[in-house]
């Protein structure tokens, strides 16, 4: 499938262990989809709230669409996520465990529709983050050495 990524949550992979990922539709208003198509969305503080029957995207900022006038939307309003009942039940059962949450990873346009990729995540401890940084640094050093030797 061909899709255009509009926004990513760059901190997500650094702050959390991602356990399972899902694709969900978003119930939007007209001015919201137009702002998303322009790339005016931020997932920096966004999270997913699940109450057992429905899933909601909370605190995602979609900038107001300038041409909408008085018919504009509230930038941080909760937006319903469109998932199958079975998926919502799976998410609900996972979220009830201690330390597990659901976070949005990215928003993209797929066949003209806005989709959000969400993940079941478990928070990393400080030492886990340090280990990841050390691994990345080691990989960079190895790549530098191999590129120096190939010259």
C-alpha atoms as a PDB file:
ATOM      1  CA  UNK A   1       0.000   0.000   0.000  1.00  0.00           C
ATOM      2  CA  UNK A   2       1.106   3.506  -0.746  1.00  0.00           C
ATOM      3  CA  UNK A   3       0.707   6.062   2.014  1.00  0.00           C
ATOM      4  CA  UNK A   4       2.010   9.493   2.995  1.00  0.00           C
ATOM      5  CA  UNK A   5       3.269   9.936   6.561  1.00  0.00           C
ATOM      6  CA  UNK A   6       1.988  13.235   7.960  1.00  0.00           C
ATOM      7  CA  UNK A   7       3.225  13.147  11.584  1.00  0.00           C
ATOM      8  CA  UNK A   8       5.358  10.878  13.744  1.00  0.00           C
ATOM      9  CA  UNK A   9       5.807  10.532  17.476  1.00  0.00           C
ATOM     10  CA  UNK A  10       9.609  10.580  17.549  1.00  0.00           C
ATOM     11  CA  UNK A  11       9.937  10.072  21.304  1.00  0.00           C
ATOM     12  CA  UNK A  12       7.774   6.939  21.359  1.00  0.00           C
ATOM     13  CA  UNK A  13      10.476   4.416  20.438  1.00  0.00           C
ATOM     14  CA  UNK A  14      12.915   6.065  22.856  1.00  0.00           C
ATOM     15  CA  UNK A  15      10.548   6.247  25.829  1.00  0.00           C
ATOM     16  CA  UNK A  16       8.710   2.898  25.457  1.00  0.00           C
ATOM     17  CA  UNK A  17       9.099  -0.771  24.542  1.00  0.00           C
ATOM     18  CA  UNK A  18       6.570  -1.356  21.745  1.00  0.00           C
ATOM     19  CA  UNK A  19       4.732  -4.647  22.215  1.00  0.00           C
ATOM     20  CA  UNK A  20       2.053  -4.731  19.506  1.00  0.00           C
ATOM     21  CA  UNK A  21       0.912  -2.329  16.779  1.00  0.00           C
ATOM     22  CA  UNK A  22      -2.490  -1.576  15.248  1.00  0.00           C
ATOM     23  CA  UNK A  23      -3.845   0.614  12.455  1.00  0.00           C
ATOM     24  CA  UNK A  24      -6.914   2.677  13.312  1.00  0.00           C
ATOM     25  CA  UNK A  25      -9.052   5.165  11.455  1.00  0.00           C
ATOM     26  CA  UNK A  26      -9.838   8.539  13.010  1.00  0.00           C
ATOM     27  CA  UNK A  27     -13.296  10.123  13.109  1.00  0.00           C
ATOM     28  CA  UNK A  28     -12.604  13.686  11.945  1.00  0.00           C
ATOM     29  CA  UNK A  29     -14.471  16.842  10.978  1.00  0.00           C
ATOM     30  CA  UNK A  30     -13.994  18.498   7.597  1.00  0.00           C
ATOM     31  CA  UNK A  31     -11.619  21.210   8.763  1.00  0.00           C
ATOM     32  CA  UNK A  32      -9.511  18.638  10.634  1.00  0.00           C
ATOM     33  CA  UNK A  33      -8.789  16.448   7.623  1.00  0.00           C
ATOM     34  CA  UNK A  34      -7.819  19.528   5.627  1.00  0.00           C
ATOM     35  CA  UNK A  35      -5.330  20.553   8.331  1.00  0.00           C
ATOM     36  CA  UNK A  36      -3.943  17.010   8.458  1.00  0.00           C
ATOM     37  CA  UNK A  37      -3.457  17.003   4.682  1.00  0.00           C
ATOM     38  CA  UNK A  38      -1.399  20.182   5.137  1.00  0.00           C
ATOM     39  CA  UNK A  39       0.685  18.387   7.798  1.00  0.00           C
ATOM     40  CA  UNK A  40      -0.503  20.564  10.684  1.00  0.00           C
ATOM     41  CA  UNK A  41      -0.765  17.861  13.338  1.00  0.00           C
ATOM     42  CA  UNK A  42       1.366  17.123  16.390  1.00  0.00           C
ATOM     43  CA  UNK A  43       1.499  13.864  18.365  1.00  0.00           C
ATOM     44  CA  UNK A  44       4.015  15.128  20.945  1.00  0.00           C
ATOM     45  CA  UNK A  45       1.763  14.805  24.023  1.00  0.00           C
ATOM     46  CA  UNK A  46      -0.848  12.499  22.482  1.00  0.00           C
ATOM     47  CA  UNK A  47      -2.036   9.241  24.018  1.00  0.00           C
ATOM     48  CA  UNK A  48      -4.893   6.783  23.531  1.00  0.00           C
ATOM     49  CA  UNK A  49      -7.632   6.380  26.138  1.00  0.00           C
ATOM     50  CA  UNK A  50      -9.630   3.123  26.133  1.00  0.00           C
ATOM     51  CA  UNK A  51     -12.763   2.700  28.237  1.00  0.00           C
ATOM     52  CA  UNK A  52     -13.577  -0.915  27.287  1.00  0.00           C
ATOM     53  CA  UNK A  53     -16.016  -0.057  24.493  1.00  0.00           C
ATOM     54  CA  UNK A  54     -14.346   2.802  22.608  1.00  0.00           C
ATOM     55  CA  UNK A  55     -10.860   4.136  21.939  1.00  0.00           C
ATOM     56  CA  UNK A  56     -10.102   7.871  21.893  1.00  0.00           C
ATOM     57  CA  UNK A  57      -7.080   9.810  20.661  1.00  0.00           C
ATOM     58  CA  UNK A  58      -6.405  12.407  23.351  1.00  0.00           C
ATOM     59  CA  UNK A  59      -4.265  15.597  23.270  1.00  0.00           C
ATOM     60  CA  UNK A  60      -3.304  15.319  19.604  1.00  0.00           C
ATOM     61  CA  UNK A  61      -3.029  18.893  18.329  1.00  0.00           C
ATOM     62  CA  UNK A  62      -4.553  19.553  14.904  1.00  0.00           C
ATOM     63  CA  UNK A  63      -4.084  23.205  13.989  1.00  0.00           C
ATOM     64  CA  UNK A  64      -7.213  25.146  12.997  1.00  0.00           C
ATOM     65  CA  UNK A  65      -7.803  25.368   9.246  1.00  0.00           C
ATOM     66  CA  UNK A  66      -7.609  29.031   8.260  1.00  0.00           C
ATOM     67  CA  UNK A  67     -10.262  28.934   5.517  1.00  0.00           C
ATOM     68  CA  UNK A  68     -12.870  27.256   7.783  1.00  0.00           C
ATOM     69  CA  UNK A  69     -13.870  30.502   9.507  1.00  0.00           C
ATOM     70  CA  UNK A  70     -16.538  29.982  12.168  1.00  0.00           C
ATOM     71  CA  UNK A  71     -16.876  26.273  11.260  1.00  0.00           C
ATOM     72  CA  UNK A  72     -13.424  25.468  12.623  1.00  0.00           C
ATOM     73  CA  UNK A  73     -12.642  22.721  15.122  1.00  0.00           C
ATOM     74  CA  UNK A  74     -11.222  22.627  18.644  1.00  0.00           C
ATOM     75  CA  UNK A  75      -7.462  21.862  18.230  1.00  0.00           C
ATOM     76  CA  UNK A  76      -7.134  19.386  21.141  1.00  0.00           C
ATOM     77  CA  UNK A  77     -10.561  17.760  21.238  1.00  0.00           C
ATOM     78  CA  UNK A  78     -10.760  13.980  21.833  1.00  0.00           C
ATOM     79  CA  UNK A  79     -11.108  12.079  18.549  1.00  0.00           C
ATOM     80  CA  UNK A  80     -12.698   8.657  18.291  1.00  0.00           C
ATOM     81  CA  UNK A  81     -10.514   5.885  16.884  1.00  0.00           C
ATOM     82  CA  UNK A  82     -12.168   3.433  14.522  1.00  0.00           C
ATOM     83  CA  UNK A  83     -11.177  -0.104  15.485  1.00  0.00           C
ATOM     84  CA  UNK A  84     -12.854  -3.509  15.422  1.00  0.00           C
ATOM     85  CA  UNK A  85     -14.540  -4.636  18.645  1.00  0.00           C
ATOM     86  CA  UNK A  86     -12.019  -7.495  19.012  1.00  0.00           C
ATOM     87  CA  UNK A  87      -9.090  -5.072  18.732  1.00  0.00           C
ATOM     88  CA  UNK A  88     -10.589  -2.754  21.359  1.00  0.00           C
ATOM     89  CA  UNK A  89     -11.064  -5.725  23.698  1.00  0.00           C
ATOM     90  CA  UNK A  90      -7.421  -6.794  23.194  1.00  0.00           C
ATOM     91  CA  UNK A  91      -6.217  -3.254  23.899  1.00  0.00           C
ATOM     92  CA  UNK A  92      -8.456  -2.966  26.966  1.00  0.00           C
ATOM     93  CA  UNK A  93      -7.129  -6.244  28.409  1.00  0.00           C
ATOM     94  CA  UNK A  94      -3.512  -5.146  27.893  1.00  0.00           C
ATOM     95  CA  UNK A  95      -4.003  -1.633  29.305  1.00  0.00           C
ATOM     96  CA  UNK A  96      -5.368  -2.989  32.587  1.00  0.00           C
ATOM     97  CA  UNK A  97      -1.924  -4.457  33.327  1.00  0.00           C
ATOM     98  CA  UNK A  98       0.447  -2.306  35.346  1.00  0.00           C
ATOM     99  CA  UNK A  99       2.813  -0.109  33.338  1.00  0.00           C
ATOM    100  CA  UNK A 100       1.157  -0.741  29.958  1.00  0.00           C
ATOM    101  CA  UNK A 101      -0.320   2.069  27.870  1.00  0.00           C
ATOM    102  CA  UNK A 102      -1.377   2.750  24.291  1.00  0.00           C
ATOM    103  CA  UNK A 103       0.409   5.477  22.342  1.00  0.00           C
ATOM    104  CA  UNK A 104       0.106   6.835  18.798  1.00  0.00           C
ATOM    105  CA  UNK A 105       3.223   6.315  16.660  1.00  0.00           C
ATOM    106  CA  UNK A 106       2.344   8.114  13.448  1.00  0.00           C
ATOM    107  CA  UNK A 107      -0.489   9.590  11.417  1.00  0.00           C
ATOM    108  CA  UNK A 108      -0.612   8.972   7.688  1.00  0.00           C
ATOM    109  CA  UNK A 109      -2.921   9.286   4.714  1.00  0.00           C
ATOM    110  CA  UNK A 110      -3.886   5.992   3.058  1.00  0.00           C
ATOM    111  CA  UNK A 111      -6.188   6.078   0.035  1.00  0.00           C
ATOM    112  CA  UNK A 112      -7.346   9.577   1.021  1.00  0.00           C
ATOM    113  CA  UNK A 113      -8.212   8.611   4.591  1.00  0.00           C
ATOM    114  CA  UNK A 114      -6.349   9.587   7.755  1.00  0.00           C
ATOM    115  CA  UNK A 115      -5.050   6.609   9.718  1.00  0.00           C
ATOM    116  CA  UNK A 116      -3.136   6.443  12.980  1.00  0.00           C
ATOM    117  CA  UNK A 117      -0.702   3.695  13.901  1.00  0.00           C
ATOM    118  CA  UNK A 118      -1.029   2.934  17.604  1.00  0.00           C
ATOM    119  CA  UNK A 119       1.045   0.619  19.767  1.00  0.00           C
ATOM    120  CA  UNK A 120       0.719  -1.143  23.082  1.00  0.00           C
ATOM    121  CA  UNK A 121       3.745   0.123  24.985  1.00  0.00           C
ATOM    122  CA  UNK A 122       5.526  -0.433  28.260  1.00  0.00           C
ATOM    123  CA  UNK A 123       7.574   2.430  29.715  1.00  0.00           C
ATOM    124  CA  UNK A 124      11.357   2.146  29.694  1.00  0.00           C
ATOM    125  CA  UNK A 125      13.447   2.737  32.763  1.00  0.00           C
ATOM    126  CA  UNK A 126      16.379   5.159  32.659  1.00  0.00           C
ATOM    127  CA  UNK A 127      18.939   2.352  32.407  1.00  0.00           C
ATOM    128  CA  UNK A 128      17.077   0.852  29.415  1.00  0.00           C
ATOM    129  CA  UNK A 129      17.338   4.197  27.618  1.00  0.00           C
ATOM    130  CA  UNK A 130      21.055   4.361  28.420  1.00  0.00           C
ATOM    131  CA  UNK A 131      21.566   0.865  26.999  1.00  0.00           C
ATOM    132  CA  UNK A 132      19.800   1.853  23.767  1.00  0.00           C
ATOM    133  CA  UNK A 133      21.945   4.975  23.423  1.00  0.00           C
ATOM    134  CA  UNK A 134      25.104   2.928  24.042  1.00  0.00           C
ATOM    135  CA  UNK A 135      24.073   0.392  21.363  1.00  0.00           C
ATOM    136  CA  UNK A 136      23.449   3.180  18.838  1.00  0.00           C
ATOM    137  CA  UNK A 137      26.806   4.788  19.615  1.00  0.00           C
ATOM    138  CA  UNK A 138      28.567   1.432  19.218  1.00  0.00           C
ATOM    139  CA  UNK A 139      26.833   0.828  15.858  1.00  0.00           C
ATOM    140  CA  UNK A 140      27.863   4.283  14.623  1.00  0.00           C
ATOM    141  CA  UNK A 141      31.485   3.652  15.619  1.00  0.00           C
ATOM    142  CA  UNK A 142      31.484   0.290  13.829  1.00  0.00           C
ATOM    143  CA  UNK A 143      30.071   1.888  10.676  1.00  0.00           C
ATOM    144  CA  UNK A 144      32.693   4.640  10.804  1.00  0.00           C
ATOM    145  CA  UNK A 145      35.485   2.085  11.158  1.00  0.00           C
ATOM    146  CA  UNK A 146      34.248   0.007   8.243  1.00  0.00           C
ATOM    147  CA  UNK A 147      33.879   3.103   6.051  1.00  0.00           C
ATOM    148  CA  UNK A 148      37.424   4.236   6.968  1.00  0.00           C
ATOM    149  CA  UNK A 149      38.863   0.835   6.113  1.00  0.00           C
ATOM    150  CA  UNK A 150      37.094   0.708   2.769  1.00  0.00           C
ATOM    151  CA  UNK A 151      38.659   4.000   1.637  1.00  0.00           C
END
